[in-house]
Amino acid sequence: MTSMLSRVIRSLPATSTWAVGFSARSFSCSPLSHAAVQPKSKKTLAKNGVKNIVVVDGVRIPFLQSGTSYADLMPHDLARASLQGLLNRTNVPKEVVDYIVYGTVIQEVKTSNVAREAALGAGFSDKTPAHTVTMACISSNQAMTTGVGLIASGQCDVVVAGGVELMSDVPIRHSRKMRKTLLSLNRAKTLGQRLALVAKIRPDYFAPELPAVAEFSTSETMGHSADRLAAAFAISRVEQDEYALRSHTLARKAQDEGLLTDVVPFKVPGKDTVIKDNGVRPSSMEQMGKLKAAFVKPYGTVTAANSSFLTDGASAVLIMSEEKALAMGYKPKAYLRDFVYVSQDPKDQLLLGPTYGTPKVLERAGLTLADIDVFEFHEAFAGQILANLKAMDSDWFAQNYMGRKSKVGAPPLEKFNKWGGSLSLGHPFGATGCRLVMTAAHRLKKEGGQYGVVAACAAGGQGHAMIVELYPQ
């Protein structure tokens, strides 16, 4: 794949350096990127015989760096707080909620169905079903589309979907040898049997199995894969640092201007009330340039500064049929329209989900890239974002890897992640999808747009893309 992708590099002009001031400029991959944006269609994406499904509102507790204020809590505590925040924001009666779905990635073994435990803790009826899904970084995307399916099929009218992740306290297992010994001890019937088992324990039995953000099928960490992807697409360290600085700068601006209205305060038991994300840290190119490679050492280009950080957080959205929302007196934020899930090679295309998902969802909706007013892509790594933008703007890649006649094109930066992204706001694996959807909805209203595209990559070489349409104002 890497050698073949070198042909992509030769066929693409080098990425231009972005001004540190981040003035509105297109990502200069090709002449198409500089063309004037065509007037977008004003048609609605409603389809005959298909229910209109809306997101009424959504919230998230502040996303915090792991090991900070949420460190002493459990995942269901964070999920419960997001549910309570949603209830307070929308005043939806608990009894009208038909179903609750949450996404998470690294499960706490005591609360494996964290959706159910959080729902009970938030005061929902024990008669309200709840289940938990997992699909790596698109787990809350899967939770939302599961809710969409339940409503579209007529099974439900009102669904709460969300996601949660607590990286401050991930399960750390004993070694397999120790686990087998402990299970055997539990079955031993006599003191002699127990002593014989204990006598077999060796020092290496005590080595723990630490969790890692790595692919089971390839044993490669995601950061290592991101470094290889950046190299394959000729994304320089400077370009990655510039993009990361852009993300943090825009996130700080959005915070200061009060644009991140999906964030709700959370009074942490025994601690102060948390009111904002704590990972936003605009720096300088000079400071970022001092950091060493984090994965491919010593010459890699992915560092702690241009990667998303381990994050604790939770999110929740209220999804209804349009008919139900209007009957209850709500003014929805947006329609949830077409969506797709995609899968690729987890070794060499692990992080290219947006490249594969975006053209598919646009085709399904009957739209073009020029019709889209807002793009919200998950930022796992700066190099991953830039590689996706280059792949999306490459006819050769589209023809040789995607089976398409031509490229979909790269989103212009003046429409792209304008309020920061996962690099700066944080990325609780199971909760980011809801943030992307709510940010797209809020940006559409703020910027006077109609259509948004939400897209994300995920472990396993998977991805998701969805069309969000502003609800008529």
Protein backbone atom coordinates (compact mmCIF):
# COMPACT_ATOMS: atom_id res chain seq x y z
CA MET A 1 0.00 0.00 0.00
CA THR A 2 2.74 2.47 0.93
CA SER A 3 4.61 1.99 -2.34
CA MET A 4 1.41 2.28 -4.31
CA LEU A 5 0.39 5.41 -2.45
CA SER A 6 3.64 7.01 -3.52
CA ARG A 7 1.95 7.33 -6.90
CA VAL A 8 -0.75 9.39 -5.21
CA ILE A 9 1.93 11.67 -3.84
CA ARG A 10 3.47 12.20 -7.25
CA SER A 11 0.08 12.96 -8.76
CA LEU A 12 -0.80 15.58 -6.15
CA PRO A 13 0.69 19.04 -5.71
CA ALA A 14 2.31 19.51 -2.32
CA THR A 15 0.06 20.87 0.40
CA SER A 16 0.51 24.59 0.86
CA THR A 17 1.62 25.96 4.20
CA TRP A 18 -1.23 27.49 6.17
CA ALA A 19 -0.96 30.92 7.71
CA VAL A 20 -0.75 30.75 11.49
CA GLY A 21 -3.59 33.28 11.60
CA PHE A 22 -5.80 30.63 10.00
CA SER A 23 -7.57 32.99 7.62
CA ALA A 24 -10.29 31.29 5.60
CA ARG A 25 -8.44 29.43 2.86
CA SER A 26 -9.06 26.22 0.96
CA PHE A 27 -6.81 23.22 1.37
CA SER A 28 -4.75 23.53 -1.80
CA CYS A 29 -4.62 20.00 -3.14
CA SER A 30 -5.87 20.81 -6.62
CA PRO A 31 -7.26 23.66 -8.72
CA LEU A 32 -10.76 22.41 -7.92
CA SER A 33 -10.27 23.34 -4.28
CA HIS A 34 -9.92 27.00 -5.24
CA ALA A 35 -13.02 27.14 -7.42
CA ALA A 36 -15.89 29.26 -6.18
CA VAL A 37 -18.37 27.28 -4.14
CA GLN A 38 -21.47 26.62 -6.20
CA PRO A 39 -24.82 27.71 -4.79
CA LYS A 40 -26.20 24.91 -2.71
CA SER A 41 -29.51 23.28 -3.38
CA LYS A 42 -32.38 24.49 -1.24
CA LYS A 43 -34.35 21.28 -1.56
CA THR A 44 -35.13 19.35 1.55
CA LEU A 45 -33.91 15.77 1.82
CA ALA A 46 -37.29 14.46 2.96
CA LYS A 47 -38.31 11.25 1.18
CA ASN A 48 -41.79 10.02 0.44
CA GLY A 49 -42.81 7.21 2.73
CA VAL A 50 -39.84 7.73 5.06
CA LYS A 51 -40.24 9.24 8.50
CA ASN A 52 -38.49 12.51 9.18
CA ILE A 53 -36.25 11.96 12.19
CA VAL A 54 -34.92 14.90 14.16
CA VAL A 55 -32.44 15.62 16.88
CA VAL A 56 -34.28 17.83 19.35
CA ASP A 57 -31.17 18.80 21.31
CA GLY A 58 -27.98 17.35 22.68
CA VAL A 59 -25.51 17.96 25.47
CA ARG A 60 -22.18 16.75 26.74
CA ILE A 61 -20.39 17.18 29.99
CA PRO A 62 -16.99 18.86 29.58
CA PHE A 63 -14.40 16.64 27.93
CA LEU A 64 -11.41 16.40 30.27
CA GLN A 65 -7.93 15.03 29.94
CA SER A 66 -7.75 11.63 31.62
CA GLY A 67 -6.37 11.65 35.13
CA THR A 68 -7.95 15.00 36.03
CA SER A 69 -11.28 15.86 37.67
CA TYR A 70 -13.14 12.70 36.62
CA ALA A 71 -10.38 10.32 37.73
CA ASP A 72 -12.23 8.97 40.79
CA LEU A 73 -15.54 8.34 39.00
CA MET A 74 -16.90 5.40 37.02
CA PRO A 75 -18.17 5.49 33.43
CA HIS A 76 -21.81 5.28 34.44
CA ASP A 77 -21.30 8.40 36.59
CA LEU A 78 -20.33 10.37 33.49
CA ALA A 79 -23.09 8.85 31.38
CA ARG A 80 -25.63 9.61 34.13
CA ALA A 81 -24.47 13.22 34.23
CA SER A 82 -24.98 13.56 30.47
CA LEU A 83 -28.47 12.08 30.75
CA GLN A 84 -29.35 14.44 33.57
CA GLY A 85 -27.96 17.33 31.57
CA LEU A 86 -30.15 16.36 28.62
CA LEU A 87 -33.21 16.11 30.84
CA ASN A 88 -32.52 19.56 32.28
CA ARG A 89 -31.89 21.06 28.84
CA THR A 90 -34.98 19.62 27.14
CA ASN A 91 -37.40 19.05 30.04
CA VAL A 92 -38.47 15.87 28.29
CA PRO A 93 -40.58 13.71 30.61
CA LYS A 94 -38.68 10.53 31.42
CA GLU A 95 -41.73 8.38 30.81
CA VAL A 96 -41.99 9.33 27.13
CA VAL A 97 -38.51 8.02 26.34
CA ASP A 98 -39.02 4.65 24.67
CA TYR A 99 -35.40 3.49 24.52
CA ILE A 100 -31.85 4.47 25.52
CA VAL A 101 -28.72 3.50 23.60
CA TYR A 102 -25.14 4.36 24.59
CA GLY A 103 -21.82 3.71 22.96
CA THR A 104 -18.57 2.92 24.74
CA VAL A 105 -15.26 1.32 23.83
CA ILE A 106 -13.30 0.19 26.88
CA GLN A 107 -15.97 -1.29 29.11
CA GLU A 108 -15.94 -1.25 32.87
CA VAL A 109 -16.60 -4.89 33.73
CA LYS A 110 -18.90 -4.00 36.63
CA THR A 111 -21.21 -2.01 34.36
CA SER A 112 -20.89 -3.73 31.00
CA ASN A 113 -24.31 -2.40 29.94
CA VAL A 114 -23.45 1.14 30.95
CA ALA A 115 -26.55 2.52 29.22
CA ARG A 116 -28.81 0.66 31.61
CA GLU A 117 -26.87 1.58 34.75
CA ALA A 118 -26.69 5.26 33.74
CA ALA A 119 -30.40 5.34 32.91
CA LEU A 120 -31.37 3.90 36.28
CA GLY A 121 -29.01 6.30 38.01
CA ALA A 122 -30.52 9.26 36.15
CA GLY A 123 -34.00 8.35 37.35
CA PHE A 124 -35.46 6.71 34.27
CA SER A 125 -38.07 4.04 34.80
CA ASP A 126 -36.86 0.49 35.17
CA LYS A 127 -39.39 -0.24 32.42
CA THR A 128 -37.33 1.76 29.87
CA PRO A 129 -35.06 -0.61 27.92
CA ALA A 130 -31.43 0.36 27.40
CA HIS A 131 -28.50 -1.26 25.69
CA THR A 132 -24.85 -0.48 24.94
CA VAL A 133 -23.08 -0.66 21.59
CA THR A 134 -19.41 -0.61 20.75
CA MET A 135 -17.81 0.32 17.43
CA ALA A 136 -14.55 1.96 18.46
CA CYS A 137 -14.47 5.72 17.85
CA ILE A 138 -17.86 5.68 16.11
CA SER A 139 -19.68 4.02 19.00
CA SER A 140 -22.00 6.97 19.70
CA ASN A 141 -22.55 7.31 15.95
CA GLN A 142 -23.77 3.74 16.06
CA ALA A 143 -25.93 4.57 19.10
CA MET A 144 -27.57 7.45 17.22
CA THR A 145 -28.21 5.47 14.04
CA THR A 146 -29.57 2.60 16.11
CA GLY A 147 -32.05 5.12 17.51
CA VAL A 148 -32.83 6.34 14.01
CA GLY A 149 -33.57 2.75 12.98
CA LEU A 150 -35.85 2.16 15.95
CA ILE A 151 -37.87 5.25 15.09
CA ALA A 152 -37.88 4.68 11.32
CA SER A 153 -39.19 1.14 11.82
CA GLY A 154 -42.03 2.38 14.03
CA GLN A 155 -40.76 0.59 17.14
CA CYS A 156 -40.16 3.86 19.02
CA ASP A 157 -41.00 7.55 18.85
CA VAL A 158 -38.44 8.89 21.34
CA VAL A 159 -34.89 7.60 21.80
CA VAL A 160 -32.00 8.95 23.82
CA ALA A 161 -28.62 8.10 22.32
CA GLY A 162 -25.21 8.91 23.70
CA GLY A 163 -21.73 7.75 24.50
CA VAL A 164 -19.23 7.64 27.32
CA GLU A 165 -15.56 6.91 27.94
CA LEU A 166 -13.45 7.02 31.09
CA MET A 167 -9.79 6.61 30.24
CA SER A 168 -8.71 7.53 33.78
CA ASP A 169 -9.56 4.06 35.07
CA VAL A 170 -9.38 1.43 32.36
CA PRO A 171 -9.49 -2.25 33.32
CA ILE A 172 -6.00 -3.74 33.71
CA ARG A 173 -5.99 -7.52 33.66
CA HIS A 174 -3.78 -10.07 35.30
CA SER A 175 -1.69 -12.11 32.90
CA ARG A 176 -3.43 -15.12 31.36
CA LYS A 177 -1.29 -17.48 33.48
CA MET A 178 -2.38 -15.72 36.65
CA ARG A 179 -6.02 -15.65 35.58
CA LYS A 180 -5.98 -19.40 34.96
CA THR A 181 -4.36 -20.00 38.34
CA LEU A 182 -6.89 -17.82 40.18
CA LEU A 183 -9.81 -19.55 38.48
CA SER A 184 -8.33 -22.92 39.37
CA LEU A 185 -7.91 -21.77 42.99
CA ASN A 186 -11.58 -20.91 43.04
CA ARG A 187 -12.42 -24.47 42.02
CA ALA A 188 -9.92 -26.19 44.35
CA LYS A 189 -11.66 -28.18 47.08
CA THR A 190 -8.89 -28.87 49.56
CA LEU A 191 -6.10 -26.91 51.19
CA GLY A 192 -3.57 -29.18 49.54
CA GLN A 193 -4.93 -28.43 46.10
CA ARG A 194 -4.80 -24.70 46.79
CA LEU A 195 -1.22 -24.83 48.09
CA ALA A 196 -0.13 -26.85 45.04
CA LEU A 197 -1.58 -24.20 42.73
CA VAL A 198 0.01 -21.34 44.69
CA ALA A 199 3.37 -23.09 44.51
CA LYS A 200 3.22 -22.96 40.70
CA ILE A 201 3.00 -19.13 40.60
CA ARG A 202 6.12 -17.55 39.12
CA PRO A 203 7.21 -13.88 39.08
CA ASP A 204 6.18 -13.41 35.42
CA TYR A 205 2.61 -14.30 36.39
CA PHE A 206 2.37 -10.87 38.04
CA ALA A 207 3.07 -8.91 34.86
CA PRO A 208 -0.23 -7.11 34.05
CA GLU A 209 -1.85 -6.89 30.64
CA LEU A 210 -2.06 -3.17 29.94
CA PRO A 211 -4.69 -1.95 27.46
CA ALA A 212 -3.37 -0.37 24.28
CA VAL A 213 -4.99 1.53 21.42
CA ALA A 214 -3.86 -1.15 19.01
CA GLU A 215 -5.40 -3.31 16.31
CA PHE A 216 -5.96 -6.91 17.34
CA SER A 217 -5.61 -8.08 13.74
CA THR A 218 -2.30 -6.30 13.10
CA SER A 219 -0.93 -5.60 16.62
CA GLU A 220 -0.11 -2.08 15.41
CA THR A 221 -0.98 0.94 17.53
CA MET A 222 -3.20 3.55 15.92
CA GLY A 223 -0.50 6.19 16.35
CA HIS A 224 2.00 4.05 14.46
CA SER A 225 -0.55 3.57 11.69
CA ALA A 226 -1.17 7.33 11.59
CA ASP A 227 2.54 7.95 11.20
CA ARG A 228 2.76 5.53 8.28
CA LEU A 229 -0.32 7.10 6.68
CA ALA A 230 1.17 10.58 6.96
CA ALA A 231 4.37 9.36 5.36
CA ALA A 232 2.49 7.63 2.55
CA PHE A 233 0.69 10.87 1.69
CA ALA A 234 3.80 13.04 2.17
CA ILE A 235 2.30 14.97 5.07
CA SER A 236 5.14 16.81 6.79
CA ARG A 237 5.64 17.32 10.52
CA VAL A 238 5.22 21.09 10.00
CA GLU A 239 1.88 20.62 8.23
CA GLN A 240 0.63 18.36 11.01
CA ASP A 241 1.69 20.81 13.70
CA GLU A 242 0.07 23.68 11.79
CA TYR A 243 -3.20 21.79 11.56
CA ALA A 244 -3.10 20.88 15.26
CA LEU A 245 -2.42 24.53 16.14
CA ARG A 246 -5.38 25.51 13.97
CA SER A 247 -7.63 23.10 15.88
CA HIS A 248 -6.57 24.44 19.28
CA THR A 249 -6.78 28.07 18.16
CA LEU A 250 -10.28 27.65 16.75
CA ALA A 251 -11.43 25.71 19.82
CA ARG A 252 -10.21 28.44 22.16
CA LYS A 253 -11.96 31.05 20.02
CA ALA A 254 -15.19 29.01 20.13
CA GLN A 255 -14.89 28.68 23.91
CA ASP A 256 -14.27 32.39 24.40
CA GLU A 257 -17.21 33.32 22.17
CA GLY A 258 -19.60 30.95 23.95
CA LEU A 259 -20.27 28.86 20.84
CA LEU A 260 -19.93 25.44 22.49
CA THR A 261 -23.47 25.50 23.86
CA ASP A 262 -23.74 21.72 23.99
CA VAL A 263 -21.44 21.71 27.04
CA VAL A 264 -23.31 21.51 30.36
CA PRO A 265 -21.71 22.02 33.79
CA PHE A 266 -21.04 18.96 35.90
CA LYS A 267 -20.62 19.09 39.66
CA VAL A 268 -18.04 16.41 40.34
CA PRO A 269 -18.75 14.78 43.72
CA GLY A 270 -16.30 16.09 46.29
CA LYS A 271 -14.80 18.52 43.79
CA ASP A 272 -15.62 21.75 42.00
CA THR A 273 -18.09 22.14 39.17
CA VAL A 274 -16.48 21.56 35.78
CA ILE A 275 -17.69 24.01 33.15
CA LYS A 276 -15.46 23.61 30.09
CA ASP A 277 -13.14 21.27 28.22
CA ASN A 278 -9.65 21.37 29.72
CA GLY A 279 -7.56 20.08 26.82
CA VAL A 280 -7.67 23.21 24.67
CA ARG A 281 -4.10 24.49 24.71
CA PRO A 282 -3.05 26.82 21.88
CA SER A 283 0.72 26.77 21.75
CA SER A 284 3.24 27.86 19.15
CA MET A 285 4.94 26.15 16.26
CA GLU A 286 8.22 26.59 18.08
CA GLN A 287 7.02 24.80 21.21
CA MET A 288 5.28 22.05 19.26
CA GLY A 289 8.39 21.52 17.19
CA LYS A 290 10.39 20.61 20.30
CA LEU A 291 8.38 17.44 20.94
CA LYS A 292 9.81 14.10 19.94
CA ALA A 293 8.09 11.47 17.83
CA ALA A 294 5.57 9.54 19.91
CA PHE A 295 5.28 6.29 17.94
CA VAL A 296 7.78 5.83 15.09
CA LYS A 297 11.01 6.77 16.82
CA PRO A 298 13.13 8.73 16.25
CA TYR A 299 12.07 9.98 12.80
CA GLY A 300 8.28 9.82 12.93
CA THR A 301 6.11 12.91 12.52
CA VAL A 302 3.23 12.08 14.86
CA THR A 303 3.72 13.64 18.30
CA ALA A 304 1.67 14.27 21.41
CA ALA A 305 0.97 17.78 20.10
CA ASN A 306 -0.60 16.71 16.80
CA SER A 307 -2.54 13.73 18.21
CA SER A 308 -5.80 13.61 20.12
CA PHE A 309 -5.28 12.94 23.82
CA LEU A 310 -6.79 10.36 26.19
CA THR A 311 -10.07 11.88 27.32
CA ASP A 312 -12.89 11.33 29.81
CA GLY A 313 -16.39 12.46 28.87
CA ALA A 314 -19.97 11.65 27.96
CA SER A 315 -22.62 12.96 25.59
CA ALA A 316 -26.33 12.50 24.92
CA VAL A 317 -28.85 13.52 22.25
CA LEU A 318 -32.64 13.41 22.17
CA ILE A 319 -33.94 11.88 18.92
CA MET A 320 -37.60 11.83 17.89
CA SER A 321 -39.82 11.44 14.90
CA GLU A 322 -40.60 14.94 13.63
CA GLU A 323 -44.29 14.32 14.23
CA LYS A 324 -43.70 13.43 17.88
CA ALA A 325 -41.35 16.37 18.46
CA LEU A 326 -43.85 18.88 17.08
CA ALA A 327 -46.72 17.28 19.02
CA MET A 328 -44.69 17.81 22.21
CA GLY A 329 -44.01 21.44 21.33
CA TYR A 330 -40.32 21.12 20.48
CA LYS A 331 -38.38 23.04 17.85
CA PRO A 332 -35.79 20.52 16.69
CA LYS A 333 -32.21 21.44 15.92
CA ALA A 334 -31.76 19.34 12.81
CA TYR A 335 -32.90 16.42 10.71
CA LEU A 336 -30.76 13.28 10.78
CA ARG A 337 -30.72 12.20 7.15
CA ASP A 338 -28.79 9.60 5.19
CA PHE A 339 -25.88 7.78 6.78
CA VAL A 340 -23.42 5.07 5.80
CA TYR A 341 -20.91 2.80 7.48
CA VAL A 342 -17.78 1.70 5.64
CA SER A 343 -14.94 -0.74 6.22
CA GLN A 344 -11.45 -0.96 4.73
CA ASP A 345 -8.14 -2.74 5.21
CA PRO A 346 -7.25 -2.26 8.91
CA LYS A 347 -3.53 -2.31 8.17
CA ASP A 348 -2.95 0.34 5.52
CA GLN A 349 -6.31 2.13 5.42
CA LEU A 350 -7.16 2.11 9.11
CA LEU A 351 -7.90 5.84 9.33
CA LEU A 352 -9.44 6.57 5.93
CA GLY A 353 -13.10 6.13 6.92
CA PRO A 354 -14.10 9.71 5.95
CA THR A 355 -12.58 9.28 2.48
CA TYR A 356 -14.71 6.22 1.82
CA GLY A 357 -17.83 7.34 3.67
CA THR A 358 -18.25 10.91 2.42
CA PRO A 359 -18.84 10.23 -1.30
CA LYS A 360 -21.18 7.35 -0.49
CA VAL A 361 -23.38 9.40 1.79
CA LEU A 362 -23.42 12.33 -0.63
CA GLU A 363 -24.56 10.03 -3.43
CA ARG A 364 -27.21 8.47 -1.25
CA ALA A 365 -28.57 11.93 -0.43
CA GLY A 366 -28.31 13.21 -4.00
CA LEU A 367 -25.86 15.95 -3.03
CA THR A 368 -22.42 17.09 -4.13
CA LEU A 369 -19.55 18.40 -2.05
CA ALA A 370 -20.47 21.94 -3.13
CA ASP A 371 -23.90 21.55 -1.51
CA ILE A 372 -22.38 21.05 1.94
CA ASP A 373 -22.11 24.09 4.18
CA VAL A 374 -20.52 22.52 7.25
CA PHE A 375 -18.03 19.68 7.65
CA GLU A 376 -17.35 18.10 11.03
CA PHE A 377 -14.73 15.35 10.82
CA HIS A 378 -13.26 13.50 13.78
CA GLU A 379 -9.63 14.48 14.32
CA ALA A 380 -7.80 11.41 15.60
CA PHE A 381 -4.47 12.80 14.38
CA ALA A 382 -3.57 15.85 12.34
CA GLY A 383 -1.83 13.57 9.85
CA GLN A 384 -4.97 11.45 9.54
CA ILE A 385 -7.08 14.50 8.68
CA LEU A 386 -4.60 15.76 6.10
CA ALA A 387 -4.22 12.31 4.55
CA ASN A 388 -7.99 12.04 4.19
CA LEU A 389 -8.19 15.46 2.54
CA LYS A 390 -5.50 14.45 0.05
CA ALA A 391 -7.13 11.08 -0.64
CA MET A 392 -10.50 12.74 -1.18
CA ASP A 393 -8.91 15.09 -3.70
CA SER A 394 -7.13 12.37 -5.71
CA ASP A 395 -8.66 10.92 -8.88
CA TRP A 396 -5.98 8.20 -8.82
CA PHE A 397 -6.90 7.08 -5.31
CA ALA A 398 -10.62 7.15 -6.14
CA GLN A 399 -10.11 5.04 -9.25
CA ASN A 400 -7.58 2.55 -7.90
CA TYR A 401 -8.74 2.04 -4.33
CA MET A 402 -12.38 3.06 -4.22
CA GLY A 403 -13.63 1.86 -7.59
CA ARG A 404 -14.88 5.32 -8.44
CA LYS A 405 -14.53 7.24 -11.71
CA SER A 406 -13.38 10.44 -10.05
CA LYS A 407 -12.60 12.08 -6.73
CA VAL A 408 -15.21 13.62 -4.48
CA GLY A 409 -12.94 16.59 -3.70
CA ALA A 410 -11.48 18.00 -0.51
CA PRO A 411 -13.71 20.07 1.79
CA PRO A 412 -12.63 23.74 1.85
CA LEU A 413 -11.09 24.71 5.17
CA GLU A 414 -13.42 27.69 5.59
CA LYS A 415 -16.19 25.11 6.13
CA PHE A 416 -14.15 22.54 8.01
CA ASN A 417 -14.08 21.98 11.81
CA LYS A 418 -14.34 25.72 12.45
CA TRP A 419 -14.91 25.36 16.20
CA GLY A 420 -11.99 23.04 16.79
CA GLY A 421 -12.10 19.27 16.89
CA SER A 422 -10.98 16.16 18.69
CA LEU A 423 -7.33 17.28 18.67
CA SER A 424 -8.24 20.19 20.93
CA LEU A 425 -11.64 19.53 22.50
CA GLY A 426 -10.77 15.95 23.34
CA HIS A 427 -11.88 12.53 22.20
CA PRO A 428 -13.69 10.25 24.66
CA PHE A 429 -13.82 7.30 22.26
CA GLY A 430 -17.46 6.41 22.83
CA ALA A 431 -18.82 9.97 23.00
CA THR A 432 -17.36 11.96 20.10
CA GLY A 433 -20.04 11.15 17.52
CA CYS A 434 -22.75 13.04 19.40
CA ARG A 435 -20.44 16.04 19.71
CA LEU A 436 -19.87 16.04 15.96
CA VAL A 437 -23.61 15.98 15.21
CA MET A 438 -24.48 18.74 17.68
CA THR A 439 -21.59 20.92 16.52
CA ALA A 440 -22.74 20.50 12.92
CA ALA A 441 -26.31 21.45 13.87
CA HIS A 442 -25.20 24.52 15.83
CA ARG A 443 -22.81 25.64 13.12
CA LEU A 444 -25.51 25.33 10.45
CA LYS A 445 -27.73 27.66 12.43
CA LYS A 446 -24.92 30.09 13.27
CA GLU A 447 -23.53 30.18 9.73
CA GLY A 448 -26.82 30.13 7.83
CA GLY A 449 -26.20 26.77 6.16
CA GLN A 450 -28.53 23.93 5.31
CA TYR A 451 -26.49 20.73 5.01
CA GLY A 452 -23.65 19.34 7.09
CA VAL A 453 -21.53 16.22 6.77
CA VAL A 454 -20.31 14.40 9.87
CA ALA A 455 -17.60 11.81 9.31
CA ALA A 456 -15.22 9.74 11.41
CA CYS A 457 -12.70 6.93 11.20
CA ALA A 458 -12.56 4.09 13.69
CA ALA A 459 -10.41 1.17 14.74
CA GLY A 460 -10.77 -1.92 12.59
CA GLY A 461 -10.56 0.18 9.44
CA GLN A 462 -14.18 1.27 9.78
CA GLY A 463 -15.88 4.61 9.34
CA HIS A 464 -19.14 6.53 9.40
CA ALA A 465 -20.63 9.47 7.54
CA MET A 466 -23.98 11.19 7.98
CA ILE A 467 -25.90 14.09 6.48
CA VAL A 468 -27.31 16.58 8.99
CA GLU A 469 -29.91 19.05 7.68
CA LEU A 470 -30.78 22.22 9.57
CA TYR A 471 -34.36 22.27 10.80
CA PRO A 472 -36.28 25.15 9.16
CA GLN A 473 -35.99 28.25 11.29
